[in-house]
Amino acid sequence: TLLAQGLDKMGNFYVTDLVIGALSSIV
């Protein structure tokens, strides 16, 4: 949840989704 909230602060939702996708290879 902390991670998702941190990603939300990036501002650009395309970048947020890209990072979530990359992180899904780890968790």
PDB file of all heavy atoms in Angstrom:
ATOM      1  N   THR A   1       0.835  -1.199   0.000  1.00  0.00           N
ATOM      2  CA  THR A   1       0.000   0.000   0.000  1.00  0.00           C
ATOM      3  C   THR A   1       0.869   1.248   0.000  1.00  0.00           C
ATOM      4  O   THR A   1       0.605   2.209  -0.739  1.00  0.00           O
ATOM      5  CB  THR A   1      -0.924   0.009   1.226  1.00  0.00           C
ATOM      6  OG1 THR A   1      -1.760  -1.150   1.193  1.00  0.00           O
ATOM      7  CG2 THR A   1      -1.790   1.258   1.243  1.00  0.00           C
ATOM      8  N   LEU A   2       1.927   1.243   0.819  1.00  0.00           N
ATOM      9  CA  LEU A   2       2.870   2.356   0.816  1.00  0.00           C
ATOM     10  C   LEU A   2       3.509   2.526  -0.560  1.00  0.00           C
ATOM     11  O   LEU A   2       3.713   3.655  -1.034  1.00  0.00           O
ATOM     12  CB  LEU A   2       3.972   2.123   1.861  1.00  0.00           C
ATOM     13  CG  LEU A   2       3.565   2.265   3.330  1.00  0.00           C
ATOM     14  CD1 LEU A   2       4.747   1.900   4.240  1.00  0.00           C
ATOM     15  CD2 LEU A   2       3.118   3.697   3.626  1.00  0.00           C
ATOM     16  N   LEU A   3       3.807   1.402  -1.184  1.00  0.00           N
ATOM     17  CA  LEU A   3       4.410   1.443  -2.508  1.00  0.00           C
ATOM     18  C   LEU A   3       3.459   2.067  -3.524  1.00  0.00           C
ATOM     19  O   LEU A   3       3.843   2.922  -4.326  1.00  0.00           O
ATOM     20  CB  LEU A   3       4.789   0.022  -2.943  1.00  0.00           C
ATOM     21  CG  LEU A   3       5.468  -0.142  -4.303  1.00  0.00           C
ATOM     22  CD1 LEU A   3       6.775   0.628  -4.350  1.00  0.00           C
ATOM     23  CD2 LEU A   3       5.720  -1.618  -4.590  1.00  0.00           C
ATOM     24  N   ALA A   4       2.205   1.646  -3.494  1.00  0.00           N
ATOM     25  CA  ALA A   4       1.210   2.186  -4.429  1.00  0.00           C
ATOM     26  C   ALA A   4       1.001   3.680  -4.205  1.00  0.00           C
ATOM     27  O   ALA A   4       0.891   4.464  -5.158  1.00  0.00           O
ATOM     28  CB  ALA A   4      -0.107   1.434  -4.278  1.00  0.00           C
ATOM     29  N   GLN A   5       0.970   4.090  -2.950  1.00  0.00           N
ATOM     30  CA  GLN A   5       0.797   5.511  -2.648  1.00  0.00           C
ATOM     31  C   GLN A   5       1.996   6.323  -3.123  1.00  0.00           C
ATOM     32  O   GLN A   5       1.862   7.455  -3.594  1.00  0.00           O
ATOM     33  CB  GLN A   5       0.588   5.701  -1.144  1.00  0.00           C
ATOM     34  CG  GLN A   5      -0.742   5.146  -0.651  1.00  0.00           C
ATOM     35  CD  GLN A   5      -0.866   5.159   0.860  1.00  0.00           C
ATOM     36  OE1 GLN A   5       0.119   5.382   1.586  1.00  0.00           O
ATOM     37  NE2 GLN A   5      -2.073   4.916   1.361  1.00  0.00           N
ATOM     38  N   GLY A   6       3.181   5.729  -3.006  1.00  0.00           N
ATOM     39  CA  GLY A   6       4.382   6.396  -3.504  1.00  0.00           C
ATOM     40  C   GLY A   6       4.346   6.550  -5.014  1.00  0.00           C
ATOM     41  O   GLY A   6       4.740   7.598  -5.559  1.00  0.00           O
ATOM     42  N   LEU A   7       3.864   5.521  -5.701  1.00  0.00           N
ATOM     43  CA  LEU A   7       3.772   5.581  -7.158  1.00  0.00           C
ATOM     44  C   LEU A   7       2.767   6.635  -7.607  1.00  0.00           C
ATOM     45  O   LEU A   7       2.951   7.275  -8.654  1.00  0.00           O
ATOM     46  CB  LEU A   7       3.360   4.209  -7.708  1.00  0.00           C
ATOM     47  CG  LEU A   7       4.385   3.076  -7.549  1.00  0.00           C
ATOM     48  CD1 LEU A   7       3.769   1.757  -8.003  1.00  0.00           C
ATOM     49  CD2 LEU A   7       5.640   3.368  -8.349  1.00  0.00           C
ATOM     50  N   ASP A   8       1.731   6.822  -6.821  1.00  0.00           N
ATOM     51  CA  ASP A   8       0.700   7.802  -7.176  1.00  0.00           C
ATOM     52  C   ASP A   8       1.270   9.218  -7.233  1.00  0.00           C
ATOM     53  O   ASP A   8       0.753  10.073  -7.956  1.00  0.00           O
ATOM     54  CB  ASP A   8      -0.441   7.721  -6.157  1.00  0.00           C
ATOM     55  CG  ASP A   8      -1.601   8.644  -6.509  1.00  0.00           C
ATOM     56  OD1 ASP A   8      -2.002   8.648  -7.687  1.00  0.00           O
ATOM     57  OD2 ASP A   8      -2.094   9.350  -5.614  1.00  0.00           O
ATOM     58  N   LYS A   9       2.344   9.451  -6.493  1.00  0.00           N
ATOM     59  CA  LYS A   9       2.936  10.787  -6.438  1.00  0.00           C
ATOM     60  C   LYS A   9       3.746  11.116  -7.689  1.00  0.00           C
ATOM     61  O   LYS A   9       4.234  12.230  -7.846  1.00  0.00           O
ATOM     62  CB  LYS A   9       3.818  10.911  -5.201  1.00  0.00           C
ATOM     63  CG  LYS A   9       3.030  10.794  -3.890  1.00  0.00           C
ATOM     64  CD  LYS A   9       3.948  10.863  -2.679  1.00  0.00           C
ATOM     65  CE  LYS A   9       3.144  10.702  -1.393  1.00  0.00           C
ATOM     66  NZ  LYS A   9       4.014  10.716  -0.179  1.00  0.00           N
ATOM     67  N   MET A  10       3.913  10.143  -8.576  1.00  0.00           N
ATOM     68  CA  MET A  10       4.674  10.385  -9.800  1.00  0.00           C
ATOM     69  C   MET A  10       3.972  11.377 -10.719  1.00  0.00           C
ATOM     70  O   MET A  10       4.624  12.032 -11.527  1.00  0.00           O
ATOM     71  CB  MET A  10       4.895   9.064 -10.551  1.00  0.00           C
ATOM     72  CG  MET A  10       5.858   8.125  -9.853  1.00  0.00           C
ATOM     73  SD  MET A  10       6.123   6.630 -10.830  1.00  0.00           S
ATOM     74  CE  MET A  10       7.422   5.842  -9.862  1.00  0.00           C
ATOM     75  N   GLY A  11       2.632  11.414 -10.621  1.00  0.00           N
ATOM     76  CA  GLY A  11       1.914  12.403 -11.420  1.00  0.00           C
ATOM     77  C   GLY A  11       1.441  11.889 -12.761  1.00  0.00           C
ATOM     78  O   GLY A  11       0.333  12.195 -13.180  1.00  0.00           O
ATOM     79  N   ASN A  12       2.238  11.134 -13.476  1.00  0.00           N
ATOM     80  CA  ASN A  12       1.869  10.610 -14.784  1.00  0.00           C
ATOM     81  C   ASN A  12       1.383   9.176 -14.636  1.00  0.00           C
ATOM     82  O   ASN A  12       2.158   8.297 -14.255  1.00  0.00           O
ATOM     83  CB  ASN A  12       3.076  10.671 -15.736  1.00  0.00           C
ATOM     84  CG  ASN A  12       2.699  10.295 -17.161  1.00  0.00           C
ATOM     85  OD1 ASN A  12       2.081   9.275 -17.405  1.00  0.00           O
ATOM     86  ND2 ASN A  12       3.087  11.147 -18.104  1.00  0.00           N
ATOM     87  N   PHE A  13       0.104   8.926 -14.930  1.00  0.00           N
ATOM     88  CA  PHE A  13      -0.448   7.596 -14.669  1.00  0.00           C
ATOM     89  C   PHE A  13       0.131   6.532 -15.601  1.00  0.00           C
ATOM     90  O   PHE A  13       0.160   5.359 -15.265  1.00  0.00           O
ATOM     91  CB  PHE A  13      -1.977   7.610 -14.743  1.00  0.00           C
ATOM     92  CG  PHE A  13      -2.541   7.795 -16.122  1.00  0.00           C
ATOM     93  CD1 PHE A  13      -2.751   6.701 -16.945  1.00  0.00           C
ATOM     94  CD2 PHE A  13      -2.873   9.057 -16.581  1.00  0.00           C
ATOM     95  CE1 PHE A  13      -3.278   6.856 -18.213  1.00  0.00           C
ATOM     96  CE2 PHE A  13      -3.408   9.217 -17.849  1.00  0.00           C
ATOM     97  CZ  PHE A  13      -3.606   8.118 -18.671  1.00  0.00           C
ATOM     98  N   TYR A  14       0.599   6.933 -16.777  1.00  0.00           N
ATOM     99  CA  TYR A  14       1.244   5.962 -17.661  1.00  0.00           C
ATOM    100  C   TYR A  14       2.517   5.418 -17.000  1.00  0.00           C
ATOM    101  O   TYR A  14       2.787   4.209 -17.024  1.00  0.00           O
ATOM    102  CB  TYR A  14       1.615   6.605 -19.001  1.00  0.00           C
ATOM    103  CG  TYR A  14       0.438   6.914 -19.899  1.00  0.00           C
ATOM    104  CD1 TYR A  14       0.178   8.216 -20.321  1.00  0.00           C
ATOM    105  CD2 TYR A  14      -0.421   5.908 -20.335  1.00  0.00           C
ATOM    106  CE1 TYR A  14      -0.894   8.515 -21.148  1.00  0.00           C
ATOM    107  CE2 TYR A  14      -1.504   6.193 -21.163  1.00  0.00           C
ATOM    108  CZ  TYR A  14      -1.731   7.491 -21.562  1.00  0.00           C
ATOM    109  OH  TYR A  14      -2.797   7.773 -22.391  1.00  0.00           O
ATOM    110  N   VAL A  15       3.293   6.320 -16.410  1.00  0.00           N
ATOM    111  CA  VAL A  15       4.519   5.913 -15.719  1.00  0.00           C
ATOM    112  C   VAL A  15       4.177   5.058 -14.502  1.00  0.00           C
ATOM    113  O   VAL A  15       4.833   4.053 -14.226  1.00  0.00           O
ATOM    114  CB  VAL A  15       5.347   7.151 -15.299  1.00  0.00           C
ATOM    115  CG1 VAL A  15       6.578   6.724 -14.489  1.00  0.00           C
ATOM    116  CG2 VAL A  15       5.773   7.949 -16.520  1.00  0.00           C
ATOM    117  N   THR A  16       3.124   5.447 -13.780  1.00  0.00           N
ATOM    118  CA  THR A  16       2.688   4.671 -12.609  1.00  0.00           C
ATOM    119  C   THR A  16       2.374   3.235 -12.998  1.00  0.00           C
ATOM    120  O   THR A  16       2.827   2.284 -12.354  1.00  0.00           O
ATOM    121  CB  THR A  16       1.447   5.319 -11.970  1.00  0.00           C
ATOM    122  OG1 THR A  16       1.760   6.647 -11.556  1.00  0.00           O
ATOM    123  CG2 THR A  16       0.975   4.501 -10.775  1.00  0.00           C
ATOM    124  N   ASP A  17       1.607   3.057 -14.071  1.00  0.00           N
ATOM    125  CA  ASP A  17       1.246   1.709 -14.519  1.00  0.00           C
ATOM    126  C   ASP A  17       2.476   0.926 -14.970  1.00  0.00           C
ATOM    127  O   ASP A  17       2.592  -0.276 -14.705  1.00  0.00           O
ATOM    128  CB  ASP A  17       0.236   1.793 -15.668  1.00  0.00           C
ATOM    129  CG  ASP A  17      -1.171   2.115 -15.189  1.00  0.00           C
ATOM    130  OD1 ASP A  17      -1.421   1.942 -13.983  1.00  0.00           O
ATOM    131  OD2 ASP A  17      -2.008   2.533 -16.001  1.00  0.00           O
ATOM    132  N   LEU A  18       3.391   1.600 -15.674  1.00  0.00           N
ATOM    133  CA  LEU A  18       4.615   0.934 -16.129  1.00  0.00           C
ATOM    134  C   LEU A  18       5.431   0.413 -14.957  1.00  0.00           C
ATOM    135  O   LEU A  18       5.952  -0.708 -14.986  1.00  0.00           O
ATOM    136  CB  LEU A  18       5.467   1.890 -16.970  1.00  0.00           C
ATOM    137  CG  LEU A  18       5.141   1.995 -18.460  1.00  0.00           C
ATOM    138  CD1 LEU A  18       5.956   3.109 -19.091  1.00  0.00           C
ATOM    139  CD2 LEU A  18       5.423   0.672 -19.166  1.00  0.00           C
ATOM    140  N   VAL A  19       5.544   1.221 -13.915  1.00  0.00           N
ATOM    141  CA  VAL A  19       6.315   0.815 -12.740  1.00  0.00           C
ATOM    142  C   VAL A  19       5.608  -0.326 -12.001  1.00  0.00           C
ATOM    143  O   VAL A  19       6.243  -1.279 -11.546  1.00  0.00           O
ATOM    144  CB  VAL A  19       6.561   2.010 -11.799  1.00  0.00           C
ATOM    145  CG1 VAL A  19       7.261   1.562 -10.519  1.00  0.00           C
ATOM    146  CG2 VAL A  19       7.397   3.074 -12.500  1.00  0.00           C
ATOM    147  N   ILE A  20       4.277  -0.256 -11.886  1.00  0.00           N
ATOM    148  CA  ILE A  20       3.523  -1.342 -11.251  1.00  0.00           C
ATOM    149  C   ILE A  20       3.768  -2.646 -12.005  1.00  0.00           C
ATOM    150  O   ILE A  20       3.970  -3.705 -11.408  1.00  0.00           O
ATOM    151  CB  ILE A  20       2.016  -1.018 -11.203  1.00  0.00           C
ATOM    152  CG1 ILE A  20       1.742   0.087 -10.179  1.00  0.00           C
ATOM    153  CG2 ILE A  20       1.199  -2.271 -10.843  1.00  0.00           C
ATOM    154  CD1 ILE A  20       0.304   0.560 -10.135  1.00  0.00           C
ATOM    155  N   GLY A  21       3.757  -2.578 -13.340  1.00  0.00           N
ATOM    156  CA  GLY A  21       4.016  -3.761 -14.151  1.00  0.00           C
ATOM    157  C   GLY A  21       5.396  -4.333 -13.916  1.00  0.00           C
ATOM    158  O   GLY A  21       5.564  -5.550 -13.777  1.00  0.00           O
ATOM    159  N   ALA A  22       6.394  -3.453 -13.864  1.00  0.00           N
ATOM    160  CA  ALA A  22       7.770  -3.913 -13.629  1.00  0.00           C
ATOM    161  C   ALA A  22       7.901  -4.516 -12.227  1.00  0.00           C
ATOM    162  O   ALA A  22       8.560  -5.544 -12.044  1.00  0.00           O
ATOM    163  CB  ALA A  22       8.742  -2.751 -13.800  1.00  0.00           C
ATOM    164  N   LEU A  23       7.270  -3.885 -11.245  1.00  0.00           N
ATOM    165  CA  LEU A  23       7.327  -4.401  -9.872  1.00  0.00           C
ATOM    166  C   LEU A  23       6.617  -5.743  -9.738  1.00  0.00           C
ATOM    167  O   LEU A  23       6.954  -6.545  -8.868  1.00  0.00           O
ATOM    168  CB  LEU A  23       6.712  -3.388  -8.908  1.00  0.00           C
ATOM    169  CG  LEU A  23       7.533  -2.124  -8.644  1.00  0.00           C
ATOM    170  CD1 LEU A  23       6.723  -1.127  -7.831  1.00  0.00           C
ATOM    171  CD2 LEU A  23       8.839  -2.466  -7.926  1.00  0.00           C
ATOM    172  N   SER A  24       5.646  -6.006 -10.616  1.00  0.00           N
ATOM    173  CA  SER A  24       4.917  -7.266 -10.534  1.00  0.00           C
ATOM    174  C   SER A  24       5.791  -8.451 -10.911  1.00  0.00           C
ATOM    175  O   SER A  24       5.399  -9.601 -10.715  1.00  0.00           O
ATOM    176  CB  SER A  24       3.678  -7.235 -11.439  1.00  0.00           C
ATOM    177  OG  SER A  24       4.025  -7.291 -12.800  1.00  0.00           O
ATOM    178  N   SER A  25       6.990  -8.185 -11.449  1.00  0.00           N
ATOM    179  CA  SER A  25       7.938  -9.272 -11.704  1.00  0.00           C
ATOM    180  C   SER A  25       8.690  -9.662 -10.436  1.00  0.00           C
ATOM    181  O   SER A  25       9.376 -10.686 -10.409  1.00  0.00           O
ATOM    182  CB  SER A  25       8.936  -8.858 -12.797  1.00  0.00           C
ATOM    183  OG  SER A  25       9.786  -7.815 -12.351  1.00  0.00           O
ATOM    184  N   ILE A  26       8.565  -8.852  -9.405  1.00  0.00           N
ATOM    185  CA  ILE A  26       9.252  -9.115  -8.139  1.00  0.00           C
ATOM    186  C   ILE A  26       8.267  -9.576  -7.074  1.00  0.00           C
ATOM    187  O   ILE A  26       8.505 -10.543  -6.352  1.00  0.00           O
ATOM    188  CB  ILE A  26      10.005  -7.859  -7.647  1.00  0.00           C
ATOM    189  CG1 ILE A  26      11.030  -7.418  -8.707  1.00  0.00           C
ATOM    190  CG2 ILE A  26      10.693  -8.123  -6.312  1.00  0.00           C
ATOM    191  CD1 ILE A  26      11.714  -6.114  -8.375  1.00  0.00           C
ATOM    192  N   VAL A  27       7.161  -8.865  -6.962  1.00  0.00           N
ATOM    193  CA  VAL A  27       6.123  -9.242  -6.004  1.00  0.00           C
ATOM    194  C   VAL A  27       4.845  -9.534  -6.763  1.00  0.00           C
ATOM    195  O   VAL A  27       4.690  -9.155  -7.920  1.00  0.00           O
ATOM    196  CB  VAL A  27       5.882  -8.135  -4.949  1.00  0.00           C
ATOM    197  CG1 VAL A  27       7.112  -7.936  -4.099  1.00  0.00           C
ATOM    198  CG2 VAL A  27       5.473  -6.827  -5.619  1.00  0.00           C
TER     199      VAL A  27
END
